[in-house]
Amino acid sequence: MLRVLFFGRLREELGCGEIEVIADDSCRDLDALQAQLCAANGERWTRALGAANTIRALNQVMVSGNAPLADGDEVAFFPPVTGG
């Protein structure tokens, strides 16, 4: 299983802060997991997670989209950071 966490605005938009996803060949890397979540959960998830500047972490380390996933990993999605 993969533990998937959502923070900030994403948590509010998706209506949940955490889900578990079965770790199989369909989510072999972070990009594939994100695409699978969007495809399985509809337009609201696609809008929330589809932004190119969504921040992603794997086991509490910021990573690129092609980071490989393994059973037991923790994935986190953060909204884009803004400020001034």
PDB file of N, CA and C in Angstrom:
ATOM      1  N   MET A   1       0.833  -1.187   0.000  1.00  0.00           N
ATOM      2  CA  MET A   1       0.000   0.000   0.000  1.00  0.00           C
ATOM      3  C   MET A   1       0.878   1.251   0.000  1.00  0.00           C
ATOM      4  N   LEU A   2       0.382   2.270  -0.671  1.00  0.00           N
ATOM      5  CA  LEU A   2       0.995   3.592  -0.637  1.00  0.00           C
ATOM      6  C   LEU A   2       0.132   4.480   0.240  1.00  0.00           C
ATOM      7  N   ARG A   3       0.750   5.233   1.087  1.00  0.00           N
ATOM      8  CA  ARG A   3       0.039   6.224   1.897  1.00  0.00           C
ATOM      9  C   ARG A   3       0.153   7.547   1.151  1.00  0.00           C
ATOM     10  N   VAL A   4      -0.987   8.141   0.784  1.00  0.00           N
ATOM     11  CA  VAL A   4      -1.003   9.373  -0.001  1.00  0.00           C
ATOM     12  C   VAL A   4      -1.633  10.473   0.841  1.00  0.00           C
ATOM     13  N   LEU A   5      -0.887  11.567   1.035  1.00  0.00           N
ATOM     14  CA  LEU A   5      -1.321  12.686   1.870  1.00  0.00           C
ATOM     15  C   LEU A   5      -1.560  13.924   1.019  1.00  0.00           C
ATOM     16  N   PHE A   6      -2.535  14.733   1.430  1.00  0.00           N
ATOM     17  CA  PHE A   6      -2.846  15.987   0.751  1.00  0.00           C
ATOM     18  C   PHE A   6      -2.829  17.107   1.783  1.00  0.00           C
ATOM     19  N   PHE A   7      -2.188  18.224   1.432  1.00  0.00           N
ATOM     20  CA  PHE A   7      -2.034  19.324   2.372  1.00  0.00           C
ATOM     21  C   PHE A   7      -2.619  20.619   1.827  1.00  0.00           C
ATOM     22  N   GLY A   8      -2.926  21.537   2.760  1.00  0.00           N
ATOM     23  CA  GLY A   8      -3.373  22.881   2.408  1.00  0.00           C
ATOM     24  C   GLY A   8      -4.635  22.885   1.571  1.00  0.00           C
ATOM     25  N   ARG A   9      -4.615  23.704   0.547  1.00  0.00           N
ATOM     26  CA  ARG A   9      -5.764  23.880  -0.343  1.00  0.00           C
ATOM     27  C   ARG A   9      -6.181  22.559  -0.984  1.00  0.00           C
ATOM     28  N   LEU A  10      -5.233  21.688  -1.264  1.00  0.00           N
ATOM     29  CA  LEU A  10      -5.565  20.399  -1.877  1.00  0.00           C
ATOM     30  C   LEU A  10      -6.448  19.565  -0.957  1.00  0.00           C
ATOM     31  N   ARG A  11      -6.141  19.563   0.319  1.00  0.00           N
ATOM     32  CA  ARG A  11      -6.954  18.822   1.292  1.00  0.00           C
ATOM     33  C   ARG A  11      -8.384  19.342   1.273  1.00  0.00           C
ATOM     34  N   GLU A  12      -8.532  20.668   1.227  1.00  0.00           N
ATOM     35  CA  GLU A  12      -9.865  21.271   1.205  1.00  0.00           C
ATOM     36  C   GLU A  12     -10.603  20.943  -0.090  1.00  0.00           C
ATOM     37  N   GLU A  13      -9.931  21.057  -1.227  1.00  0.00           N
ATOM     38  CA  GLU A  13     -10.573  20.813  -2.519  1.00  0.00           C
ATOM     39  C   GLU A  13     -10.967  19.353  -2.705  1.00  0.00           C
ATOM     40  N   LEU A  14     -10.155  18.439  -2.215  1.00  0.00           N
ATOM     41  CA  LEU A  14     -10.418  17.017  -2.408  1.00  0.00           C
ATOM     42  C   LEU A  14     -11.327  16.435  -1.334  1.00  0.00           C
ATOM     43  N   GLY A  15     -11.434  17.132  -0.213  1.00  0.00           N
ATOM     44  CA  GLY A  15     -12.293  16.659   0.861  1.00  0.00           C
ATOM     45  C   GLY A  15     -11.694  15.532   1.684  1.00  0.00           C
ATOM     46  N   CYS A  16     -10.380  15.345   1.577  1.00  0.00           N
ATOM     47  CA  CYS A  16      -9.711  14.332   2.394  1.00  0.00           C
ATOM     48  C   CYS A  16      -8.245  14.713   2.564  1.00  0.00           C
ATOM     49  N   GLY A  17      -7.671  14.240   3.633  1.00  0.00           N
ATOM     50  CA  GLY A  17      -6.274  14.528   3.899  1.00  0.00           C
ATOM     51  C   GLY A  17      -5.352  13.351   3.655  1.00  0.00           C
ATOM     52  N   GLU A  18      -5.946  12.151   3.554  1.00  0.00           N
ATOM     53  CA  GLU A  18      -5.120  10.955   3.402  1.00  0.00           C
ATOM     54  C   GLU A  18      -5.934   9.831   2.777  1.00  0.00           C
ATOM     55  N   ILE A  19      -5.292   9.088   1.884  1.00  0.00           N
ATOM     56  CA  ILE A  19      -5.881   7.874   1.324  1.00  0.00           C
ATOM     57  C   ILE A  19      -4.796   6.815   1.230  1.00  0.00           C
ATOM     58  N   GLU A  20      -5.210   5.580   1.035  1.00  0.00           N
ATOM     59  CA  GLU A  20      -4.274   4.497   0.762  1.00  0.00           C
ATOM     60  C   GLU A  20      -4.557   3.958  -0.628  1.00  0.00           C
ATOM     61  N   VAL A  21      -3.495   3.664  -1.363  1.00  0.00           N
ATOM     62  CA  VAL A  21      -3.593   3.165  -2.731  1.00  0.00           C
ATOM     63  C   VAL A  21      -2.773   1.885  -2.818  1.00  0.00           C
ATOM     64  N   ILE A  22      -3.318   0.888  -3.479  1.00  0.00           N
ATOM     65  CA  ILE A  22      -2.580  -0.361  -3.675  1.00  0.00           C
ATOM     66  C   ILE A  22      -1.389  -0.096  -4.588  1.00  0.00           C
ATOM     67  N   ALA A  23      -0.228  -0.516  -4.157  1.00  0.00           N
ATOM     68  CA  ALA A  23       0.999  -0.339  -4.944  1.00  0.00           C
ATOM     69  C   ALA A  23       1.089  -1.478  -5.955  1.00  0.00           C
ATOM     70  N   ASP A  24       0.801  -1.161  -7.216  1.00  0.00           N
ATOM     71  CA  ASP A  24       0.898  -2.169  -8.272  1.00  0.00           C
ATOM     72  C   ASP A  24       1.561  -1.552  -9.499  1.00  0.00           C
ATOM     73  N   ASP A  25       1.594  -2.285 -10.594  1.00  0.00           N
ATOM     74  CA  ASP A  25       2.276  -1.813 -11.802  1.00  0.00           C
ATOM     75  C   ASP A  25       1.657  -0.557 -12.394  1.00  0.00           C
ATOM     76  N   SER A  26       0.380  -0.277 -12.076  1.00  0.00           N
ATOM     77  CA  SER A  26      -0.264   0.911 -12.642  1.00  0.00           C
ATOM     78  C   SER A  26       0.245   2.204 -12.000  1.00  0.00           C
ATOM     79  N   CYS A  27       0.870   2.109 -10.849  1.00  0.00           N
ATOM     80  CA  CYS A  27       1.446   3.314 -10.227  1.00  0.00           C
ATOM     81  C   CYS A  27       2.911   3.047  -9.902  1.00  0.00           C
ATOM     82  N   ARG A  28       3.684   2.859 -10.950  1.00  0.00           N
ATOM     83  CA  ARG A  28       5.103   2.516 -10.825  1.00  0.00           C
ATOM     84  C   ARG A  28       5.974   3.710 -10.458  1.00  0.00           C
ATOM     85  N   ASP A  29       5.478   4.934 -10.773  1.00  0.00           N
ATOM     86  CA  ASP A  29       6.217   6.144 -10.413  1.00  0.00           C
ATOM     87  C   ASP A  29       5.225   7.243 -10.037  1.00  0.00           C
ATOM     88  N   LEU A  30       5.747   8.364  -9.596  1.00  0.00           N
ATOM     89  CA  LEU A  30       4.905   9.438  -9.077  1.00  0.00           C
ATOM     90  C   LEU A  30       3.976  10.015 -10.136  1.00  0.00           C
ATOM     91  N   ASP A  31       4.457  10.178 -11.365  1.00  0.00           N
ATOM     92  CA  ASP A  31       3.589  10.674 -12.442  1.00  0.00           C
ATOM     93  C   ASP A  31       2.429   9.721 -12.696  1.00  0.00           C
ATOM     94  N   ALA A  32       2.708   8.425 -12.727  1.00  0.00           N
ATOM     95  CA  ALA A  32       1.663   7.430 -12.973  1.00  0.00           C
ATOM     96  C   ALA A  32       0.638   7.422 -11.845  1.00  0.00           C
ATOM     97  N   LEU A  33       1.091   7.549 -10.601  1.00  0.00           N
ATOM     98  CA  LEU A  33       0.168   7.610  -9.471  1.00  0.00           C
ATOM     99  C   LEU A  33      -0.738   8.826  -9.589  1.00  0.00           C
ATOM    100  N   GLN A  34      -0.163   9.980  -9.887  1.00  0.00           N
ATOM    101  CA  GLN A  34      -0.951  11.204 -10.004  1.00  0.00           C
ATOM    102  C   GLN A  34      -1.991  11.062 -11.123  1.00  0.00           C
ATOM    103  N   ALA A  35      -1.597  10.509 -12.257  1.00  0.00           N
ATOM    104  CA  ALA A  35      -2.528  10.294 -13.367  1.00  0.00           C
ATOM    105  C   ALA A  35      -3.632   9.315 -12.973  1.00  0.00           C
ATOM    106  N   GLN A  36      -3.274   8.267 -12.257  1.00  0.00           N
ATOM    107  CA  GLN A  36      -4.259   7.280 -11.821  1.00  0.00           C
ATOM    108  C   GLN A  36      -5.267   7.906 -10.859  1.00  0.00           C
ATOM    109  N   LEU A  37      -4.796   8.716  -9.919  1.00  0.00           N
ATOM    110  CA  LEU A  37      -5.701   9.379  -8.977  1.00  0.00           C
ATOM    111  C   LEU A  37      -6.678  10.292  -9.706  1.00  0.00           C
ATOM    112  N   CYS A  38      -6.178  11.047 -10.676  1.00  0.00           N
ATOM    113  CA  CYS A  38      -7.040  11.960 -11.443  1.00  0.00           C
ATOM    114  C   CYS A  38      -8.062  11.178 -12.262  1.00  0.00           C
ATOM    115  N   ALA A  39      -7.627  10.131 -12.950  1.00  0.00           N
ATOM    116  CA  ALA A  39      -8.524   9.346 -13.801  1.00  0.00           C
ATOM    117  C   ALA A  39      -9.603   8.633 -12.989  1.00  0.00           C
ATOM    118  N   ALA A  40      -9.247   8.154 -11.820  1.00  0.00           N
ATOM    119  CA  ALA A  40     -10.183   7.372 -11.016  1.00  0.00           C
ATOM    120  C   ALA A  40     -11.183   8.227 -10.246  1.00  0.00           C
ATOM    121  N   ASN A  41     -10.850   9.503 -10.031  1.00  0.00           N
ATOM    122  CA  ASN A  41     -11.669  10.317  -9.129  1.00  0.00           C
ATOM    123  C   ASN A  41     -12.338  11.515  -9.773  1.00  0.00           C
ATOM    124  N   GLY A  42     -12.166  11.717 -11.062  1.00  0.00           N
ATOM    125  CA  GLY A  42     -12.948  12.722 -11.768  1.00  0.00           C
ATOM    126  C   GLY A  42     -12.346  14.109 -11.850  1.00  0.00           C
ATOM    127  N   GLU A  43     -13.180  15.014 -12.341  1.00  0.00           N
ATOM    128  CA  GLU A  43     -12.766  16.381 -12.675  1.00  0.00           C
ATOM    129  C   GLU A  43     -12.216  17.160 -11.479  1.00  0.00           C
ATOM    130  N   ARG A  44     -12.838  17.026 -10.327  1.00  0.00           N
ATOM    131  CA  ARG A  44     -12.375  17.774  -9.146  1.00  0.00           C
ATOM    132  C   ARG A  44     -10.931  17.411  -8.811  1.00  0.00           C
ATOM    133  N   TRP A  45     -10.598  16.137  -8.864  1.00  0.00           N
ATOM    134  CA  TRP A  45      -9.233  15.700  -8.576  1.00  0.00           C
ATOM    135  C   TRP A  45      -8.277  16.140  -9.670  1.00  0.00           C
ATOM    136  N   THR A  46      -8.740  16.087 -10.914  1.00  0.00           N
ATOM    137  CA  THR A  46      -7.899  16.517 -12.031  1.00  0.00           C
ATOM    138  C   THR A  46      -7.557  17.989 -11.902  1.00  0.00           C
ATOM    139  N   ARG A  47      -8.535  18.813 -11.550  1.00  0.00           N
ATOM    140  CA  ARG A  47      -8.277  20.247 -11.342  1.00  0.00           C
ATOM    141  C   ARG A  47      -7.314  20.472 -10.181  1.00  0.00           C
ATOM    142  N   ALA A  48      -7.541  19.776  -9.080  1.00  0.00           N
ATOM    143  CA  ALA A  48      -6.734  19.989  -7.876  1.00  0.00           C
ATOM    144  C   ALA A  48      -5.294  19.508  -8.050  1.00  0.00           C
ATOM    145  N   LEU A  49      -5.120  18.336  -8.624  1.00  0.00           N
ATOM    146  CA  LEU A  49      -3.780  17.745  -8.729  1.00  0.00           C
ATOM    147  C   LEU A  49      -3.099  18.007 -10.061  1.00  0.00           C
ATOM    148  N   GLY A  50      -3.836  18.540 -11.026  1.00  0.00           N
ATOM    149  CA  GLY A  50      -3.309  18.683 -12.374  1.00  0.00           C
ATOM    150  C   GLY A  50      -2.401  19.868 -12.612  1.00  0.00           C
ATOM    151  N   ALA A  51      -2.304  20.778 -11.659  1.00  0.00           N
ATOM    152  CA  ALA A  51      -1.449  21.953 -11.846  1.00  0.00           C
ATOM    153  C   ALA A  51       0.008  21.525 -11.996  1.00  0.00           C
ATOM    154  N   ALA A  52       0.665  22.105 -12.976  1.00  0.00           N
ATOM    155  CA  ALA A  52       2.067  21.754 -13.249  1.00  0.00           C
ATOM    156  C   ALA A  52       2.981  22.074 -12.070  1.00  0.00           C
ATOM    157  N   ASN A  53       2.577  23.034 -11.247  1.00  0.00           N
ATOM    158  CA  ASN A  53       3.435  23.447 -10.136  1.00  0.00           C
ATOM    159  C   ASN A  53       3.022  22.826  -8.798  1.00  0.00           C
ATOM    160  N   THR A  54       2.214  21.758  -8.829  1.00  0.00           N
ATOM    161  CA  THR A  54       1.898  21.035  -7.604  1.00  0.00           C
ATOM    162  C   THR A  54       3.190  20.430  -7.060  1.00  0.00           C
ATOM    163  N   ILE A  55       3.415  20.590  -5.777  1.00  0.00           N
ATOM    164  CA  ILE A  55       4.638  20.090  -5.140  1.00  0.00           C
ATOM    165  C   ILE A  55       4.381  18.668  -4.644  1.00  0.00           C
ATOM    166  N   ARG A  56       5.358  17.787  -4.888  1.00  0.00           N
ATOM    167  CA  ARG A  56       5.206  16.391  -4.512  1.00  0.00           C
ATOM    168  C   ARG A  56       6.422  15.928  -3.721  1.00  0.00           C
ATOM    169  N   ALA A  57       6.146  15.079  -2.739  1.00  0.00           N
ATOM    170  CA  ALA A  57       7.225  14.522  -1.922  1.00  0.00           C
ATOM    171  C   ALA A  57       7.049  13.012  -1.819  1.00  0.00           C
ATOM    172  N   LEU A  58       8.163  12.323  -1.717  1.00  0.00           N
ATOM    173  CA  LEU A  58       8.182  10.878  -1.533  1.00  0.00           C
ATOM    174  C   LEU A  58       8.978  10.591  -0.274  1.00  0.00           C
ATOM    175  N   ASN A  59       8.324   9.985   0.699  1.00  0.00           N
ATOM    176  CA  ASN A  59       8.961   9.684   1.984  1.00  0.00           C
ATOM    177  C   ASN A  59       9.621  10.927   2.573  1.00  0.00           C
ATOM    178  N   GLN A  60       8.887  12.039   2.517  1.00  0.00           N
ATOM    179  CA  GLN A  60       9.247  13.330   3.113  1.00  0.00           C
ATOM    180  C   GLN A  60      10.426  14.018   2.443  1.00  0.00           C
ATOM    181  N   VAL A  61      10.681  13.681   1.177  1.00  0.00           N
ATOM    182  CA  VAL A  61      11.727  14.336   0.385  1.00  0.00           C
ATOM    183  C   VAL A  61      11.102  14.794  -0.925  1.00  0.00           C
ATOM    184  N   MET A  62      11.289  16.067  -1.289  1.00  0.00           N
ATOM    185  CA  MET A  62      10.770  16.577  -2.555  1.00  0.00           C
ATOM    186  C   MET A  62      11.436  15.827  -3.704  1.00  0.00           C
ATOM    187  N   VAL A  63      10.619  15.387  -4.678  1.00  0.00           N
ATOM    188  CA  VAL A  63      11.138  14.582  -5.787  1.00  0.00           C
ATOM    189  C   VAL A  63      10.508  15.004  -7.105  1.00  0.00           C
ATOM    190  N   SER A  64      11.111  14.531  -8.199  1.00  0.00           N
ATOM    191  CA  SER A  64      10.550  14.775  -9.527  1.00  0.00           C
ATOM    192  C   SER A  64       9.476  13.733  -9.814  1.00  0.00           C
ATOM    193  N   GLY A  65       8.755  13.944 -10.903  1.00  0.00           N
ATOM    194  CA  GLY A  65       7.620  13.099 -11.232  1.00  0.00           C
ATOM    195  C   GLY A  65       7.948  11.671 -11.583  1.00  0.00           C
ATOM    196  N   ASN A  66       9.155  11.418 -12.048  1.00  0.00           N
ATOM    197  CA  ASN A  66       9.475  10.056 -12.453  1.00  0.00           C
ATOM    198  C   ASN A  66      10.095   9.246 -11.323  1.00  0.00           C
ATOM    199  N   ALA A  67       9.986   9.721 -10.086  1.00  0.00           N
ATOM    200  CA  ALA A  67      10.522   8.986  -8.943  1.00  0.00           C
ATOM    201  C   ALA A  67       9.785   7.650  -8.808  1.00  0.00           C
ATOM    202  N   PRO A  68      10.514   6.543  -8.747  1.00  0.00           N
ATOM    203  CA  PRO A  68       9.862   5.237  -8.630  1.00  0.00           C
ATOM    204  C   PRO A  68       9.198   5.067  -7.265  1.00  0.00           C
ATOM    205  N   LEU A  69       8.091   4.322  -7.256  1.00  0.00           N
ATOM    206  CA  LEU A  69       7.352   4.067  -6.022  1.00  0.00           C
ATOM    207  C   LEU A  69       7.474   2.597  -5.644  1.00  0.00           C
ATOM    208  N   ALA A  70       7.421   2.338  -4.334  1.00  0.00           N
ATOM    209  CA  ALA A  70       7.462   0.967  -3.827  1.00  0.00           C
ATOM    210  C   ALA A  70       6.430   0.817  -2.721  1.00  0.00           C
ATOM    211  N   ASP A  71       5.997  -0.398  -2.514  1.00  0.00           N
ATOM    212  CA  ASP A  71       5.040  -0.689  -1.457  1.00  0.00           C
ATOM    213  C   ASP A  71       5.549  -0.119  -0.130  1.00  0.00           C
ATOM    214  N   GLY A  72       4.669   0.559   0.598  1.00  0.00           N
ATOM    215  CA  GLY A  72       5.022   1.147   1.881  1.00  0.00           C
ATOM    216  C   GLY A  72       5.454   2.596   1.813  1.00  0.00           C
ATOM    217  N   ASP A  73       5.608   3.145   0.609  1.00  0.00           N
ATOM    218  CA  ASP A  73       6.023   4.545   0.463  1.00  0.00           C
ATOM    219  C   ASP A  73       4.928   5.504   0.921  1.00  0.00           C
ATOM    220  N   GLU A  74       5.362   6.684   1.325  1.00  0.00           N
ATOM    221  CA  GLU A  74       4.458   7.784   1.654  1.00  0.00           C
ATOM    222  C   GLU A  74       4.634   8.869   0.600  1.00  0.00           C
ATOM    223  N   VAL A  75       3.539   9.246  -0.042  1.00  0.00           N
ATOM    224  CA  VAL A  75       3.541  10.283  -1.071  1.00  0.00           C
ATOM    225  C   VAL A  75       2.730  11.454  -0.541  1.00  0.00           C
ATOM    226  N   ALA A  76       3.231  12.672  -0.730  1.00  0.00           N
ATOM    227  CA  ALA A  76       2.505  13.860  -0.284  1.00  0.00           C
ATOM    228  C   ALA A  76       2.384  14.851  -1.429  1.00  0.00           C
ATOM    229  N   PHE A  77       1.210  15.469  -1.526  1.00  0.00           N
ATOM    230  CA  PHE A  77       0.943  16.508  -2.516  1.00  0.00           C
ATOM    231  C   PHE A  77       0.689  17.814  -1.775  1.00  0.00           C
ATOM    232  N   PHE A  78       1.356  18.876  -2.226  1.00  0.00           N
ATOM    233  CA  PHE A  78       1.224  20.200  -1.633  1.00  0.00           C
ATOM    234  C   PHE A  78       0.794  21.185  -2.716  1.00  0.00           C
ATOM    235  N   PRO A  79      -0.007  22.181  -2.363  1.00  0.00           N
ATOM    236  CA  PRO A  79      -0.341  23.204  -3.358  1.00  0.00           C
ATOM    237  C   PRO A  79       0.893  24.047  -3.667  1.00  0.00           C
ATOM    238  N   PRO A  80       0.877  24.737  -4.802  1.00  0.00           N
ATOM    239  CA  PRO A  80       1.997  25.625  -5.134  1.00  0.00           C
ATOM    240  C   PRO A  80       2.211  26.656  -4.026  1.00  0.00           C
ATOM    241  N   VAL A  81       3.452  26.985  -3.786  1.00  0.00           N
ATOM    242  CA  VAL A  81       3.800  27.973  -2.768  1.00  0.00           C
ATOM    243  C   VAL A  81       3.760  29.357  -3.401  1.00  0.00           C
ATOM    244  N   THR A  82       3.113  30.282  -2.719  1.00  0.00           N
ATOM    245  CA  THR A  82       3.091  31.668  -3.177  1.00  0.00           C
ATOM    246  C   THR A  82       3.533  32.555  -2.032  1.00  0.00           C
ATOM    247  N   GLY A  83       3.808  33.761  -2.339  1.00  0.00           N
ATOM    248  CA  GLY A  83       4.208  34.690  -1.292  1.00  0.00           C
ATOM    249  C   GLY A  83       4.882  35.898  -1.891  1.00  0.00           C
ATOM    250  N   GLY A  84       5.327  36.736  -1.040  1.00  0.00           N
ATOM    251  CA  GLY A  84       5.964  37.923  -1.566  1.00  0.00           C
ATOM    252  C   GLY A  84       6.841  38.582  -0.553  1.00  0.00           C
TER     253      GLY A  84
END
